[in-house]
Amino acid sequence: MSRWHGSIARNSSVGLIPFEPLLPTKRNNISITIMKTESNNDINKRSKQTILLLCMAMICLLTACNDVFDVHPYDVNYKGETHHNKQAIAEIEQRFASRDSLRIAFISDTHGWYTNTKAEIDDINKRNDIDFVVHCGDLTDTGTKKEYERTRKILQKLDVPYVALIGNHDFLGTGDQSYQVLYGSLDFSFIAGRVKFLCLNTNATEYDYMAAVPNFDYIEQEITARADEFDRTVIIMHAPPYSDQFNNNVAKAFRRYIDFLPHLMFCVYGHNHNSVVNNIYNDGLLFYGIDCSDHRIYRIITIRKEGYDEEEVPF
């Protein structure tokens, strides 16, 4: 039987013996094919659902959170007032051209301390004896558009004119471009009560010492510019000589240059976040440091024909 069965198995054209083991294999193949088809359909459905959900979420973001994608943080396109210093200088020069005395409030380094800055502005407004205000720089902390806009909004509440210098923090990102849009030139001057206020950009580190900062050509120009309109000079800057931001390779040359300015009375600076009086060069020329708004103190300097006096004002 075994041989006969084997012979039939080898010679049979019907294929009864191999047919039974093939049938499950075909069933398996069919089953596998069906499973694969169902799996692909599921994947396609899930993909479509996921895409639909993402689209719906994006629509919600764009409609319900409209300001999330408002502008790039370092965008320099501003609405509202721009080139402020030019307008403020015109007002200061017109109002105080023939004044015998000037009372000036110096503030600095407001950074992101908006609550304290508002309190500082409120305190100045309450006095009713300030002619104008000078901000010595670091209007912002990181130079972003929103910081510039928030600070501008606060400073606009001043009842008197103000001018603002650029600080090293105001350079971050495109901050220096924002400053030029909102305030104007990095170096500028104005005259009030026959005193020239020379406002200088001294943030040399922000240029990796590759720019003329401080700009000696500009200082030299200002020695004689409008010479018949002033006979005394005050220098204002953000970073003082021998600070981390100043180009200290030219600190001595800077002192020589400013000596040519008519009757240099004193210098004012910010940056160091302290209220001090320094004789930086040990030659009698005093440098007044203006504190940051976080320390809640500013300085008032009153200039008269016979000289000047100064006071610290806590708020």
Protein backbone atom coordinates (compact mmCIF):
# COMPACT_ATOMS: atom_id res chain seq x y z
CA MET A 1 0.00 0.00 0.00
CA SER A 2 2.71 2.38 0.85
CA ARG A 3 4.49 1.91 -2.46
CA TRP A 4 1.18 2.04 -4.37
CA HIS A 5 0.14 5.16 -2.51
CA GLY A 6 3.46 6.69 -3.19
CA SER A 7 3.24 5.80 -6.88
CA ILE A 8 -0.19 7.33 -7.17
CA ALA A 9 1.07 10.42 -5.38
CA ARG A 10 3.96 10.81 -7.78
CA ASN A 11 2.03 10.00 -10.99
CA SER A 12 -1.40 11.37 -10.23
CA SER A 13 -2.40 14.30 -12.36
CA VAL A 14 -5.43 14.99 -10.14
CA GLY A 15 -3.20 16.14 -7.33
CA LEU A 16 -5.51 15.02 -4.49
CA ILE A 17 -2.73 14.62 -1.95
CA PRO A 18 -1.10 18.09 -2.42
CA PHE A 19 -4.49 19.81 -2.82
CA GLU A 20 -5.48 19.72 0.87
CA PRO A 21 -2.33 21.41 2.22
CA LEU A 22 -2.57 24.12 -0.47
CA LEU A 23 -6.09 25.14 0.42
CA PRO A 24 -5.29 26.58 3.85
CA THR A 25 -2.36 28.38 2.26
CA LYS A 26 -4.66 30.05 -0.23
CA ARG A 27 -7.10 30.84 2.52
CA ASN A 28 -4.24 32.38 4.51
CA ASN A 29 -3.15 34.43 1.51
CA ILE A 30 -6.70 35.64 0.97
CA SER A 31 -7.03 36.41 4.68
CA ILE A 32 -3.74 38.32 4.73
CA THR A 33 -4.71 40.28 1.62
CA ILE A 34 -8.03 41.27 3.18
CA MET A 35 -6.33 42.34 6.42
CA LYS A 36 -3.83 44.49 4.54
CA THR A 37 -6.59 46.15 2.53
CA GLU A 38 -8.54 46.97 5.69
CA SER A 39 -5.40 48.32 7.42
CA ASN A 40 -4.62 50.71 4.55
CA ASN A 41 -8.18 51.97 4.57
CA ASP A 42 -7.93 52.64 8.30
CA ILE A 43 -4.67 54.53 7.83
CA ASN A 44 -6.17 56.67 5.08
CA LYS A 45 -9.19 57.46 7.25
CA ARG A 46 -7.01 58.36 10.24
CA SER A 47 -4.78 60.55 8.07
CA LYS A 48 -7.77 62.45 6.71
CA GLN A 49 -9.15 62.90 10.21
CA THR A 50 -5.80 64.15 11.51
CA ILE A 51 -5.42 66.65 8.66
CA LEU A 52 -8.99 67.85 9.24
CA LEU A 53 -8.34 68.33 12.97
CA LEU A 54 -5.10 70.22 12.28
CA CYS A 55 -6.88 72.51 9.82
CA MET A 56 -9.62 73.20 12.36
CA ALA A 57 -7.05 73.93 15.08
CA MET A 58 -5.19 76.33 12.77
CA ILE A 59 -8.42 78.16 11.93
CA CYS A 60 -9.16 78.50 15.65
CA LEU A 61 -5.68 79.91 16.29
CA LEU A 62 -5.93 82.43 13.50
CA THR A 63 -9.41 83.60 14.49
CA ALA A 64 -9.48 83.34 18.28
CA CYS A 65 -5.81 84.32 18.83
CA ASN A 66 -5.41 86.89 16.14
CA ASP A 67 -2.48 88.70 17.74
CA VAL A 68 -0.31 85.62 18.26
CA PHE A 69 1.16 85.97 14.78
CA ASP A 70 0.78 89.75 14.69
CA VAL A 71 4.37 90.79 13.84
CA HIS A 72 7.92 89.58 14.11
CA PRO A 73 9.32 90.67 17.50
CA TYR A 74 12.02 92.70 15.74
CA ASP A 75 9.80 94.28 13.10
CA VAL A 76 10.68 97.96 12.58
CA ASN A 77 7.44 99.14 10.98
CA TYR A 78 5.79 101.39 13.56
CA LYS A 79 2.45 103.12 13.70
CA GLY A 80 1.97 106.38 15.52
CA GLU A 81 4.66 108.89 16.42
CA THR A 82 8.13 108.49 14.90
CA HIS A 83 11.33 110.62 14.91
CA HIS A 84 10.34 111.88 18.33
CA ASN A 85 13.58 113.63 19.25
CA LYS A 86 13.40 116.00 16.30
CA GLN A 87 9.94 117.18 17.32
CA ALA A 88 10.84 117.41 21.01
CA ILE A 89 14.02 119.37 20.27
CA ALA A 90 12.08 121.88 18.18
CA GLU A 91 9.71 122.42 21.11
CA ILE A 92 12.50 122.67 23.70
CA GLU A 93 14.52 125.13 21.65
CA GLN A 94 11.50 127.29 20.96
CA ARG A 95 10.27 127.38 24.57
CA PHE A 96 13.60 127.79 26.34
CA ALA A 97 15.81 129.72 23.92
CA SER A 98 16.01 132.81 26.13
CA ARG A 99 15.61 131.21 29.55
CA ASP A 100 18.13 132.16 32.24
CA SER A 101 17.62 128.88 34.11
CA LEU A 102 16.68 125.31 33.19
CA ARG A 103 15.39 122.54 35.42
CA ILE A 104 15.95 119.12 33.87
CA ALA A 105 14.94 115.66 35.08
CA PHE A 106 17.35 112.90 34.07
CA ILE A 107 16.08 109.31 34.00
CA SER A 108 17.68 106.15 32.61
CA ASP A 109 17.59 102.38 32.17
CA THR A 110 13.86 101.83 32.35
CA HIS A 111 14.30 98.42 30.63
CA GLY A 112 11.17 96.35 31.25
CA TRP A 113 10.28 97.87 34.61
CA TYR A 114 7.05 99.35 33.31
CA THR A 115 5.31 99.75 36.66
CA ASN A 116 8.25 101.66 38.16
CA THR A 117 8.66 103.71 35.00
CA LYS A 118 4.99 104.74 35.16
CA ALA A 119 5.48 105.74 38.80
CA GLU A 120 8.60 107.72 37.82
CA ILE A 121 6.71 109.61 35.11
CA ASP A 122 3.82 110.28 37.50
CA ASP A 123 6.24 111.68 40.08
CA ILE A 124 7.83 114.03 37.53
CA ASN A 125 4.41 115.22 36.37
CA LYS A 126 3.37 116.03 39.94
CA ARG A 127 6.27 118.42 40.42
CA ASN A 128 5.21 121.14 37.96
CA ASP A 129 8.75 122.59 38.03
CA ILE A 130 10.50 120.49 35.34
CA ASP A 131 11.25 122.09 31.97
CA PHE A 132 12.12 118.89 30.10
CA VAL A 133 13.26 115.31 30.64
CA VAL A 134 16.27 113.43 29.27
CA HIS A 135 16.23 109.62 29.12
CA CYS A 136 19.85 108.40 29.11
CA GLY A 137 19.21 105.13 27.29
CA ASP A 138 18.18 101.50 27.69
CA LEU A 139 14.57 102.22 26.88
CA THR A 140 14.13 98.47 26.39
CA ASP A 141 15.59 95.25 27.72
CA THR A 142 15.95 93.28 24.47
CA GLY A 143 15.20 95.84 21.74
CA THR A 144 11.91 94.30 20.61
CA LYS A 145 9.10 96.19 18.92
CA LYS A 146 6.63 95.60 21.75
CA GLU A 147 9.12 96.88 24.32
CA TYR A 148 9.73 100.05 22.33
CA GLU A 149 5.98 100.55 21.92
CA ARG A 150 5.20 100.03 25.60
CA THR A 151 7.97 102.39 26.70
CA ARG A 152 6.90 105.00 24.16
CA LYS A 153 3.33 104.83 25.45
CA ILE A 154 4.52 105.47 29.02
CA LEU A 155 6.91 108.30 28.13
CA GLN A 156 4.21 110.00 26.07
CA LYS A 157 2.35 110.63 29.32
CA LEU A 158 4.99 113.17 30.36
CA ASP A 159 3.57 116.69 30.66
CA VAL A 160 6.84 118.17 29.43
CA PRO A 161 9.02 117.48 26.36
CA TYR A 162 11.55 114.69 26.53
CA VAL A 163 14.42 113.35 24.44
CA ALA A 164 15.90 109.85 24.61
CA LEU A 165 19.37 108.47 23.94
CA ILE A 166 20.10 104.94 22.79
CA GLY A 167 21.47 102.39 25.28
CA ASN A 168 23.31 99.15 24.69
CA HIS A 169 20.17 97.04 25.33
CA ASP A 170 18.34 99.07 22.69
CA PHE A 171 20.71 97.67 20.02
CA LEU A 172 19.69 94.03 20.46
CA GLY A 173 18.16 92.38 17.40
CA THR A 174 17.08 95.23 15.13
CA GLY A 175 16.72 97.55 18.12
CA ASP A 176 19.06 100.22 16.76
CA GLN A 177 16.91 100.41 13.63
CA SER A 178 13.80 100.75 15.77
CA TYR A 179 15.45 103.52 17.74
CA GLN A 180 16.26 105.43 14.55
CA VAL A 181 12.66 105.07 13.36
CA LEU A 182 11.16 106.13 16.69
CA TYR A 183 13.70 108.68 17.90
CA GLY A 184 16.16 109.56 15.15
CA SER A 185 19.95 109.95 14.97
CA LEU A 186 22.15 108.11 17.44
CA ASP A 187 24.19 111.31 17.99
CA PHE A 188 22.30 114.57 18.34
CA SER A 189 22.39 117.94 20.06
CA PHE A 190 20.09 120.80 21.00
CA ILE A 191 20.39 124.22 22.59
CA ALA A 192 18.31 125.67 25.41
CA GLY A 193 19.11 128.72 27.56
CA ARG A 194 22.39 129.16 25.64
CA VAL A 195 23.52 125.70 26.77
CA LYS A 196 24.32 123.06 24.17
CA PHE A 197 23.31 119.55 25.21
CA LEU A 198 25.51 117.15 23.29
CA CYS A 199 23.99 113.64 23.29
CA LEU A 200 26.43 110.92 22.24
CA ASN A 201 26.19 107.25 21.36
CA THR A 202 28.93 105.60 23.43
CA ASN A 203 27.86 101.94 23.07
CA ALA A 204 31.04 100.82 21.30
CA THR A 205 30.77 97.15 22.28
CA GLU A 206 27.58 96.83 20.21
CA TYR A 207 29.73 97.42 17.11
CA ASP A 208 32.56 95.12 18.25
CA TYR A 209 34.65 98.31 18.31
CA MET A 210 34.47 98.48 14.50
CA ALA A 211 32.62 101.82 14.32
CA ALA A 212 33.56 105.38 15.26
CA VAL A 213 31.93 105.27 18.70
CA PRO A 214 32.21 107.76 20.24
CA ASN A 215 32.25 109.72 17.00
CA PHE A 216 35.11 112.24 17.24
CA ASP A 217 34.20 113.80 13.89
CA TYR A 218 30.75 114.56 15.20
CA ILE A 219 32.14 116.01 18.45
CA GLU A 220 34.54 118.20 16.48
CA GLN A 221 31.69 119.41 14.29
CA GLU A 222 29.62 120.32 17.35
CA ILE A 223 32.41 122.47 18.82
CA THR A 224 31.65 125.19 16.28
CA ALA A 225 28.13 124.35 15.00
CA ARG A 226 25.74 127.18 15.92
CA ALA A 227 28.57 128.74 17.94
CA ASP A 228 26.79 132.07 18.31
CA GLU A 229 23.83 130.42 20.08
CA PHE A 230 25.60 128.81 23.05
CA ASP A 231 28.44 129.47 25.45
CA ARG A 232 28.19 126.43 27.74
CA THR A 233 28.06 122.68 27.10
CA VAL A 234 26.65 119.60 28.81
CA ILE A 235 27.51 116.10 27.53
CA ILE A 236 25.01 113.27 27.91
CA MET A 237 25.77 109.61 27.10
CA HIS A 238 24.62 106.14 28.03
CA ALA A 239 27.88 104.36 28.86
CA PRO A 240 30.58 106.44 30.59
CA PRO A 241 34.32 106.22 29.96
CA TYR A 242 35.99 103.14 31.46
CA SER A 243 32.72 101.20 31.58
CA ASP A 244 32.27 97.85 29.84
CA GLN A 245 30.49 99.44 26.86
CA PHE A 246 32.81 102.37 26.21
CA ASN A 247 35.75 102.04 23.81
CA ASN A 248 38.35 102.49 26.50
CA ASN A 249 41.17 102.48 23.97
CA VAL A 250 40.11 106.04 23.20
CA ALA A 251 38.95 107.10 26.67
CA LYS A 252 41.88 109.50 27.10
CA ALA A 253 41.49 110.90 23.59
CA PHE A 254 37.80 111.42 24.32
CA ARG A 255 38.67 113.55 27.33
CA ARG A 256 41.02 115.67 25.19
CA TYR A 257 38.41 116.17 22.49
CA ILE A 258 35.59 117.29 24.77
CA ASP A 259 37.90 119.90 26.31
CA PHE A 260 37.47 121.96 23.13
CA LEU A 261 33.74 122.35 23.74
CA PRO A 262 32.87 125.81 25.06
CA HIS A 263 32.70 125.83 28.86
CA LEU A 264 32.01 122.15 29.48
CA MET A 265 29.98 122.16 32.71
CA PHE A 266 29.46 118.46 33.50
CA CYS A 267 28.59 115.08 31.97
CA VAL A 268 25.59 112.81 32.57
CA TYR A 269 25.34 109.06 31.91
CA GLY A 270 23.26 105.95 32.68
CA HIS A 271 24.09 102.26 32.18
CA ASN A 272 25.58 101.43 35.59
CA HIS A 273 22.28 101.39 37.51
CA ASN A 274 23.47 103.58 40.33
CA SER A 275 23.15 107.20 41.38
CA VAL A 276 26.66 108.54 41.86
CA VAL A 277 28.87 111.55 41.21
CA ASN A 278 32.22 110.59 39.70
CA ASN A 279 35.39 112.53 39.02
CA ILE A 280 36.34 109.93 36.42
CA TYR A 281 39.48 111.63 35.09
CA ASN A 282 40.49 113.15 38.45
CA ASP A 283 40.60 116.60 36.90
CA GLY A 284 37.47 118.22 38.32
CA LEU A 285 35.04 117.38 35.47
CA LEU A 286 32.11 115.68 37.19
CA PHE A 287 30.11 112.79 35.72
CA TYR A 288 26.62 112.28 37.16
CA GLY A 289 25.36 108.71 37.06
CA ILE A 290 21.60 108.29 36.64
CA ASP A 291 20.01 105.31 38.36
CA CYS A 292 17.64 102.77 36.81
CA SER A 293 13.88 103.00 37.33
CA ASP A 294 13.91 99.74 39.30
CA HIS A 295 15.79 101.55 42.11
CA ARG A 296 13.11 104.26 42.07
CA ILE A 297 15.35 107.30 41.97
CA TYR A 298 16.10 109.99 39.37
CA ARG A 299 18.14 113.18 39.32
CA ILE A 300 17.22 116.81 38.75
CA ILE A 301 19.85 119.30 37.63
CA THR A 302 19.09 123.02 37.65
CA ILE A 303 21.29 125.15 35.41
CA ARG A 304 21.61 128.87 36.08
CA LYS A 305 23.81 131.63 34.69
CA GLU A 306 26.15 131.39 37.66
CA GLY A 307 26.38 127.60 37.65
CA TYR A 308 24.19 124.64 38.52
CA ASP A 309 22.98 122.46 41.37
CA GLU A 310 21.65 118.93 41.46
CA GLU A 311 19.55 116.67 43.65
CA GLU A 312 18.52 113.03 43.86
CA VAL A 313 14.79 112.40 43.86
CA PRO A 314 13.41 109.13 45.28
CA PHE A 315 9.89 108.19 44.24
